[in-house]
Protein backbone atom coordinates (compact mmCIF):
# COMPACT_ATOMS: atom_id res chain seq x y z
CA UNK A 1 -6.69 4.70 -18.05
CA UNK A 2 -9.71 2.45 -17.49
CA UNK A 3 -11.43 2.58 -14.16
CA UNK A 4 -13.15 -0.25 -12.39
CA UNK A 5 -16.62 -0.24 -10.88
CA UNK A 6 -17.97 2.89 -9.29
CA UNK A 7 -14.90 3.61 -7.20
CA UNK A 8 -13.03 5.39 -9.97
CA UNK A 9 -9.87 3.43 -9.12
CA UNK A 10 -8.12 1.52 -11.84
CA UNK A 11 -6.89 -2.03 -11.38
CA UNK A 12 -3.34 -0.79 -12.00
CA UNK A 13 -3.56 1.59 -9.06
CA UNK A 14 -4.95 -1.13 -6.82
CA UNK A 15 -2.06 -3.40 -7.79
CA UNK A 16 0.47 -0.66 -7.03
CA UNK A 17 -1.13 0.00 -3.64
CA UNK A 18 -1.05 -3.72 -2.82
CA UNK A 19 2.57 -4.03 -3.97
CA UNK A 20 3.54 -1.07 -1.78
CA UNK A 21 1.64 -2.53 1.18
CA UNK A 22 3.38 -5.88 0.86
CA UNK A 23 6.77 -4.22 0.58
CA UNK A 24 6.10 -1.98 3.58
CA UNK A 25 4.76 -4.85 5.71
CA UNK A 26 7.92 -6.85 4.92
CA UNK A 27 10.28 -4.15 6.24
CA UNK A 28 11.81 -4.99 9.63
CA UNK A 29 12.32 -1.30 10.26
CA UNK A 30 9.87 0.57 8.01
CA UNK A 31 11.17 3.85 6.62
CA UNK A 32 9.95 7.09 8.14
CA UNK A 33 8.26 9.23 7.05
CA UNK A 34 6.37 6.49 5.26
CA UNK A 35 4.08 8.40 2.91
CA UNK A 36 6.83 10.22 0.98
CA UNK A 37 8.83 7.00 0.71
CA UNK A 38 5.87 5.10 -0.74
CA UNK A 39 5.00 7.97 -3.07
CA UNK A 40 8.54 8.10 -4.44
CA UNK A 41 9.23 4.37 -4.56
CA UNK A 42 5.88 3.25 -6.02
CA UNK A 43 4.60 6.39 -7.75
CA UNK A 44 1.53 6.60 -5.52
CA UNK A 45 -0.61 9.58 -4.64
CA UNK A 46 -0.81 10.61 -1.00
CA UNK A 47 -4.19 8.91 -0.69
CA UNK A 48 -2.87 5.70 -2.25
CA UNK A 49 0.16 5.75 0.06
CA UNK A 50 -2.09 6.02 3.11
CA UNK A 51 -4.23 3.18 1.75
CA UNK A 52 -1.07 1.09 1.35
CA UNK A 53 -0.06 1.83 4.95
CA UNK A 54 -3.47 0.74 6.24
CA UNK A 55 -3.27 -2.42 4.14
CA UNK A 56 0.26 -3.12 5.41
CA UNK A 57 -1.00 -2.89 8.99
CA UNK A 58 -3.76 -5.40 8.21
CA UNK A 59 -1.15 -7.72 6.65
CA UNK A 60 0.95 -7.53 9.83
CA UNK A 61 -2.06 -8.31 12.03
CA UNK A 62 -2.99 -11.34 9.92
CA UNK A 63 0.60 -12.58 9.92
CA UNK A 64 0.74 -12.39 13.73
CA UNK A 65 -2.61 -14.13 14.07
CA UNK A 66 -1.63 -17.03 11.83
CA UNK A 67 2.08 -17.28 12.54
């Protein structure tokens, strides 16, 4: 699997994290516990799932600011 830049993360992983973040941000009542759900649903690692949760929170903030 090719990695991008010096981060060691592949583009595919970044896309999966973003997809999970968008999905999670779109949930009216997000599932709990969130990390296991994102790991199972999107095949993410624990670190990637937590990155997706942080990204989802940023998406929600931006949506509120520009709604």
